[in-house]
C-alpha atoms as a PDB file:
ATOM      1  CA  ASP A   1      96.542 125.965  99.015  1.00  0.00           C
ATOM      2  CA  ARG A   2      96.090 126.755  95.719  1.00  0.00           C
ATOM      3  CA  ILE A   3      92.726 124.551  95.459  1.00  0.00           C
ATOM      4  CA  ALA A   4      91.315 126.432  98.254  1.00  0.00           C
ATOM      5  CA  ILE A   5      92.384 129.979  97.221  1.00  0.00           C
ATOM      6  CA  ASP A   6      90.733 129.303  93.636  1.00  0.00           C
ATOM      7  CA  ALA A   7      87.467 128.141  95.520  1.00  0.00           C
ATOM      8  CA  PHE A   8      87.131 131.410  97.425  1.00  0.00           C
ATOM      9  CA  VAL A   9      88.670 133.620  94.354  1.00  0.00           C
ATOM     10  CA  SER A  10      85.423 131.650  91.976  1.00  0.00           C
ATOM     11  CA  ARG A  11      83.412 132.566  94.953  1.00  0.00           C
ATOM     12  CA  ALA A  12      84.345 136.148  95.311  1.00  0.00           C
ATOM     13  CA  ALA A  13      83.818 136.704  91.489  1.00  0.00           C
ATOM     14  CA  ALA A  14      80.334 135.282  91.160  1.00  0.00           C
ATOM     15  CA  TYR A  15      79.109 137.611  94.462  1.00  0.00           C
ATOM     16  CA  VAL A  16      80.936 140.280  92.559  1.00  0.00           C
ATOM     17  CA  PHE A  17      78.722 139.507  89.497  1.00  0.00           C
ATOM     18  CA  ARG A  18      75.805 139.026  91.379  1.00  0.00           C
ATOM     19  CA  LYS A  19      75.804 142.084  93.247  1.00  0.00           C
ATOM     20  CA  TYR A  20      77.239 144.472  90.738  1.00  0.00           C
ATOM     21  CA  LYS A  21      76.992 143.134  87.598  1.00  0.00           C
ATOM     22  CA  PRO A  22      80.530 144.825  86.580  1.00  0.00           C
ATOM     23  CA  ASN A  23      81.271 145.926  82.981  1.00  0.00           C
ATOM     24  CA  LEU A  24      84.929 144.104  83.521  1.00  0.00           C
ATOM     25  CA  GLN A  25      85.975 141.867  85.917  1.00  0.00           C
ATOM     26  CA  PHE A  26      89.430 139.860  85.475  1.00  0.00           C
ATOM     27  CA  VAL A  27      89.855 136.572  87.650  1.00  0.00           C
ATOM     28  CA  HIS A  28      93.071 134.835  88.026  1.00  0.00           C
ATOM     29  CA  LEU A  29      92.991 131.075  89.232  1.00  0.00           C
ATOM     30  CA  LEU A  30      96.069 129.552  90.020  1.00  0.00           C
ATOM     31  CA  ASN A  31      95.924 125.915  90.700  1.00  0.00           C
ATOM     32  CA  VAL A  32      96.153 124.358  87.021  1.00  0.00           C
ATOM     33  CA  ASP A  33      99.564 126.570  86.608  1.00  0.00           C
ATOM     34  CA  GLU A  34     100.779 125.343  89.907  1.00  0.00           C
ATOM     35  CA  VAL A  35     100.436 121.486  89.175  1.00  0.00           C
ATOM     36  CA  GLN A  36     101.818 122.177  85.994  1.00  0.00           C
ATOM     37  CA  HIS A  37     104.775 123.679  87.090  1.00  0.00           C
ATOM     38  CA  LYS A  38     105.220 120.741  89.716  1.00  0.00           C
ATOM     39  CA  GLN A  39     103.957 117.544  87.754  1.00  0.00           C
ATOM     40  CA  GLY A  40     104.596 118.471  84.144  1.00  0.00           C
ATOM     41  CA  PRO A  41     101.971 118.851  81.583  1.00  0.00           C
ATOM     42  CA  GLY A  42      99.455 116.033  80.737  1.00  0.00           C
ATOM     43  CA  SER A  43      99.787 114.514  84.020  1.00  0.00           C
ATOM     44  CA  PRO A  44      96.841 113.066  85.806  1.00  0.00           C
ATOM     45  CA  ALA A  45      97.266 115.514  88.474  1.00  0.00           C
ATOM     46  CA  VAL A  46      96.981 118.664  85.979  1.00  0.00           C
ATOM     47  CA  ASN A  47      93.835 116.806  84.483  1.00  0.00           C
ATOM     48  CA  ALA A  48      92.463 117.032  87.848  1.00  0.00           C
ATOM     49  CA  ALA A  49      93.293 120.448  88.295  1.00  0.00           C
ATOM     50  CA  VAL A  50      91.448 121.361  85.517  1.00  0.00           C
ATOM     51  CA  ARG A  51      88.376 119.265  86.413  1.00  0.00           C
ATOM     52  CA  VAL A  52      88.496 121.176  89.998  1.00  0.00           C
ATOM     53  CA  GLN A  53      89.096 124.732  87.677  1.00  0.00           C
ATOM     54  CA  ASP A  54      85.975 123.858  85.505  1.00  0.00           C
ATOM     55  CA  ASP A  55      83.631 123.380  88.805  1.00  0.00           C
ATOM     56  CA  ASN A  56      85.342 127.127  89.530  1.00  0.00           C
ATOM     57  CA  VAL A  57      84.541 128.576  86.030  1.00  0.00           C
ATOM     58  CA  ALA A  58      81.082 126.834  85.854  1.00  0.00           C
ATOM     59  CA  ARG A  59      80.221 128.863  89.469  1.00  0.00           C
ATOM     60  CA  ILE A  60      81.250 131.834  87.663  1.00  0.00           C
ATOM     61  CA  ARG A  61      79.320 131.437  84.690  1.00  0.00           C
ATOM     62  CA  LYS A  62      76.136 130.536  86.973  1.00  0.00           C
ATOM     63  CA  ALA A  63      76.491 133.791  88.726  1.00  0.00           C
ATOM     64  CA  ILE A  64      76.800 135.620  85.129  1.00  0.00           C
ATOM     65  CA  GLU A  65      73.319 133.790  84.090  1.00  0.00           C
ATOM     66  CA  GLU A  66      72.107 134.634  87.765  1.00  0.00           C
ATOM     67  CA  SER A  67      73.092 138.419  87.546  1.00  0.00           C
ATOM     68  CA  GLY A  68      71.074 139.136  84.267  1.00  0.00           C
ATOM     69  CA  VAL A  69      74.027 140.215  82.234  1.00  0.00           C
ATOM     70  CA  ALA A  70      74.645 137.016  80.197  1.00  0.00           C
ATOM     71  CA  ALA A  71      73.815 138.471  77.148  1.00  0.00           C
ATOM     72  CA  ARG A  72      76.259 141.256  77.411  1.00  0.00           C
ATOM     73  CA  THR A  73      78.983 139.112  78.636  1.00  0.00           C
ATOM     74  CA  THR A  74      81.852 137.829  76.892  1.00  0.00           C
ATOM     75  CA  LEU A  75      83.859 135.006  79.190  1.00  0.00           C
ATOM     76  CA  ILE A  76      87.455 134.491  78.023  1.00  0.00           C
ATOM     77  CA  ILE A  77      89.456 131.931  79.439  1.00  0.00           C
ATOM     78  CA  VAL A  78      93.218 131.931  79.119  1.00  0.00           C
ATOM     79  CA  GLY A  79      96.419 130.631  80.394  1.00  0.00           C
ATOM     80  CA  ASP A  80      99.363 132.941  81.474  1.00  0.00           C
ATOM     81  CA  HIS A  81     101.817 130.563  79.652  1.00  0.00           C
ATOM     82  CA  GLY A  82     102.361 127.318  77.989  1.00  0.00           C
ATOM     83  CA  PHE A  83     103.849 123.881  78.858  1.00  0.00           C
ATOM     84  CA  THR A  84     106.451 121.591  77.244  1.00  0.00           C
ATOM     85  CA  SER A  85     108.004 118.307  78.486  1.00  0.00           C
ATOM     86  CA  ILE A  86     111.636 118.715  78.559  1.00  0.00           C
ATOM     87  CA  GLU A  87     114.543 115.996  78.856  1.00  0.00           C
ATOM     88  CA  ARG A  88     117.271 118.319  79.056  1.00  0.00           C
ATOM     89  CA  ASN A  89     118.042 121.736  80.975  1.00  0.00           C
ATOM     90  CA  VAL A  90     120.787 124.088  79.280  1.00  0.00           C
ATOM     91  CA  SER A  91     122.715 126.200  81.988  1.00  0.00           C
ATOM     92  CA  PRO A  92     124.920 128.308  79.747  1.00  0.00           C
ATOM     93  CA  ASN A  93     126.518 129.909  82.927  1.00  0.00           C
ATOM     94  CA  ASN A  94     127.461 126.461  83.835  1.00  0.00           C
ATOM     95  CA  LEU A  95     129.034 126.228  80.514  1.00  0.00           C
ATOM     96  CA  LEU A  96     130.653 129.328  80.725  1.00  0.00           C
ATOM     97  CA  ARG A  97     132.181 128.565  84.036  1.00  0.00           C
ATOM     98  CA  ASP A  98     133.542 125.273  83.044  1.00  0.00           C
ATOM     99  CA  ALA A  99     135.459 126.962  80.169  1.00  0.00           C
ATOM    100  CA  GLY A 100     136.895 129.518  82.468  1.00  0.00           C
ATOM    101  CA  LEU A 101     135.250 132.625  81.622  1.00  0.00           C
ATOM    102  CA  LEU A 102     132.835 133.052  84.588  1.00  0.00           C
ATOM    103  CA  GLU A 103     134.054 132.049  88.113  1.00  0.00           C
ATOM    104  CA  GLU A 104     131.152 131.270  90.957  1.00  0.00           C
ATOM    105  CA  GLU A 105     131.724 131.065  94.766  1.00  0.00           C
ATOM    106  CA  GLY A 106     128.686 129.481  96.753  1.00  0.00           C
ATOM    107  CA  GLY A 107     126.672 129.635  93.880  1.00  0.00           C
ATOM    108  CA  LYS A 108     127.028 133.671  93.193  1.00  0.00           C
ATOM    109  CA  VAL A 109     128.846 135.121  90.390  1.00  0.00           C
ATOM    110  CA  LYS A 110     132.230 136.208  91.713  1.00  0.00           C
ATOM    111  CA  ALA A 111     133.874 137.542  88.593  1.00  0.00           C
ATOM    112  CA  TRP A 112     132.942 136.972  84.854  1.00  0.00           C
ATOM    113  CA  ARG A 113     134.692 137.160  81.139  1.00  0.00           C
ATOM    114  CA  ALA A 114     131.142 136.170  79.764  1.00  0.00           C
ATOM    115  CA  LEU A 115     127.835 135.833  81.310  1.00  0.00           C
ATOM    116  CA  THR A 116     124.572 134.872  80.524  1.00  0.00           C
ATOM    117  CA  ARG A 117     121.192 136.374  81.364  1.00  0.00           C
ATOM    118  CA  SER A 118     117.597 134.806  80.767  1.00  0.00           C
ATOM    119  CA  SER A 119     114.406 136.376  79.974  1.00  0.00           C
ATOM    120  CA  GLY A 120     111.644 134.581  79.136  1.00  0.00           C
ATOM    121  CA  GLY A 121     112.487 131.880  76.366  1.00  0.00           C
ATOM    122  CA  SER A 122     115.703 133.406  75.126  1.00  0.00           C
ATOM    123  CA  ALA A 123     119.000 134.408  77.095  1.00  0.00           C
ATOM    124  CA  SER A 124     121.436 137.292  76.073  1.00  0.00           C
ATOM    125  CA  ILE A 125     125.286 136.421  76.232  1.00  0.00           C
ATOM    126  CA  TYR A 126     127.296 139.367  77.629  1.00  0.00           C
ATOM    127  CA  VAL A 127     130.939 139.136  76.633  1.00  0.00           C
ATOM    128  CA  LYS A 128     133.294 141.755  78.266  1.00  0.00           C
ATOM    129  CA  ASP A 129     135.988 141.431  75.805  1.00  0.00           C
ATOM    130  CA  PRO A 130     135.044 140.723  72.162  1.00  0.00           C
ATOM    131  CA  ALA A 131     138.497 138.701  71.778  1.00  0.00           C
ATOM    132  CA  ASP A 132     136.402 136.153  73.897  1.00  0.00           C
ATOM    133  CA  THR A 133     133.496 136.025  71.364  1.00  0.00           C
ATOM    134  CA  ALA A 134     134.902 132.924  69.348  1.00  0.00           C
ATOM    135  CA  ARG A 135     135.581 131.144  72.783  1.00  0.00           C
ATOM    136  CA  VAL A 136     131.944 131.760  74.284  1.00  0.00           C
ATOM    137  CA  ARG A 137     130.479 130.565  70.874  1.00  0.00           C
ATOM    138  CA  ASP A 138     132.537 127.294  71.176  1.00  0.00           C
ATOM    139  CA  ALA A 139     131.714 126.652  74.761  1.00  0.00           C
ATOM    140  CA  LEU A 140     127.965 127.506  74.533  1.00  0.00           C
ATOM    141  CA  LEU A 141     127.565 125.397  70.883  1.00  0.00           C
ATOM    142  CA  ALA A 142     129.584 122.534  72.633  1.00  0.00           C
ATOM    143  CA  GLY A 143     127.399 122.721  75.664  1.00  0.00           C
ATOM    144  CA  SER A 144     124.643 122.476  73.464  1.00  0.00           C
ATOM    145  CA  ALA A 145     125.346 119.380  71.821  1.00  0.00           C
ATOM    146  CA  VAL A 146     123.325 116.290  71.985  1.00  0.00           C
ATOM    147  CA  ASP A 147     124.751 113.188  69.986  1.00  0.00           C
ATOM    148  CA  GLY A 148     126.994 115.647  68.286  1.00  0.00           C
ATOM    149  CA  GLU A 149     124.211 118.081  67.430  1.00  0.00           C
ATOM    150  CA  ALA A 150     123.677 121.647  68.385  1.00  0.00           C
ATOM    151  CA  ARG A 151     119.961 121.664  70.302  1.00  0.00           C
ATOM    152  CA  TYR A 152     119.930 125.475  70.168  1.00  0.00           C
ATOM    153  CA  ARG A 153     121.474 128.346  67.667  1.00  0.00           C
ATOM    154  CA  LEU A 154     123.252 131.725  68.908  1.00  0.00           C
ATOM    155  CA  ILE A 155     121.872 134.694  67.176  1.00  0.00           C
ATOM    156  CA  GLU A 156     124.921 137.316  66.710  1.00  0.00           C
ATOM    157  CA  ARG A 157     124.966 140.788  67.435  1.00  0.00           C
ATOM    158  CA  GLY A 158     124.333 141.677  63.559  1.00  0.00           C
ATOM    159  CA  GLU A 159     121.184 139.712  63.290  1.00  0.00           C
ATOM    160  CA  LEU A 160     120.097 140.911  66.600  1.00  0.00           C
ATOM    161  CA  ASP A 161     120.495 144.462  65.534  1.00  0.00           C
ATOM    162  CA  ARG A 162     118.436 143.604  62.281  1.00  0.00           C
ATOM    163  CA  LEU A 163     115.687 142.096  64.842  1.00  0.00           C
ATOM    164  CA  GLY A 164     115.749 145.757  66.993  1.00  0.00           C
ATOM    165  CA  TYR A 165     117.405 143.679  70.071  1.00  0.00           C
ATOM    166  CA  ASN A 166     118.629 145.277  73.188  1.00  0.00           C
ATOM    167  CA  PRO A 167     121.711 147.158  71.869  1.00  0.00           C
ATOM    168  CA  ASP A 168     123.428 146.327  74.929  1.00  0.00           C
END
């Protein structure tokens, strides 16, 4: 129950401010992120979750005031990442599988000539045999097309090298 956890964490943070007057305190409230993951950004549930978080932050701010350290306290509120609505999910390993470049069994990779490894907002494509590179590129770009237009671009090795990207 993220709401209950956040209420507890904000009460604990308030207690620490009142009792110990820390020079630095980090507090991680969870529920808004959780609701955005489940309901999407801008949903009524997210707005409700933000209102609940406002109460938690108010509890901490009140404790800062009551502790007597407000004049030397800076409160910074951040999110760990943003959210955006999506209309289409891209699964590059499925495209590689459909092009005969990857074999899977039971949802696990069994063998591959090309494989996608994602990290954050990007993904790296590993190609075992350089002779397959054009086939991999064609499969990925064809699979990204909506109404005949590619929805992402591939950054090739030369540009990756100029950007200082992972040489592997």
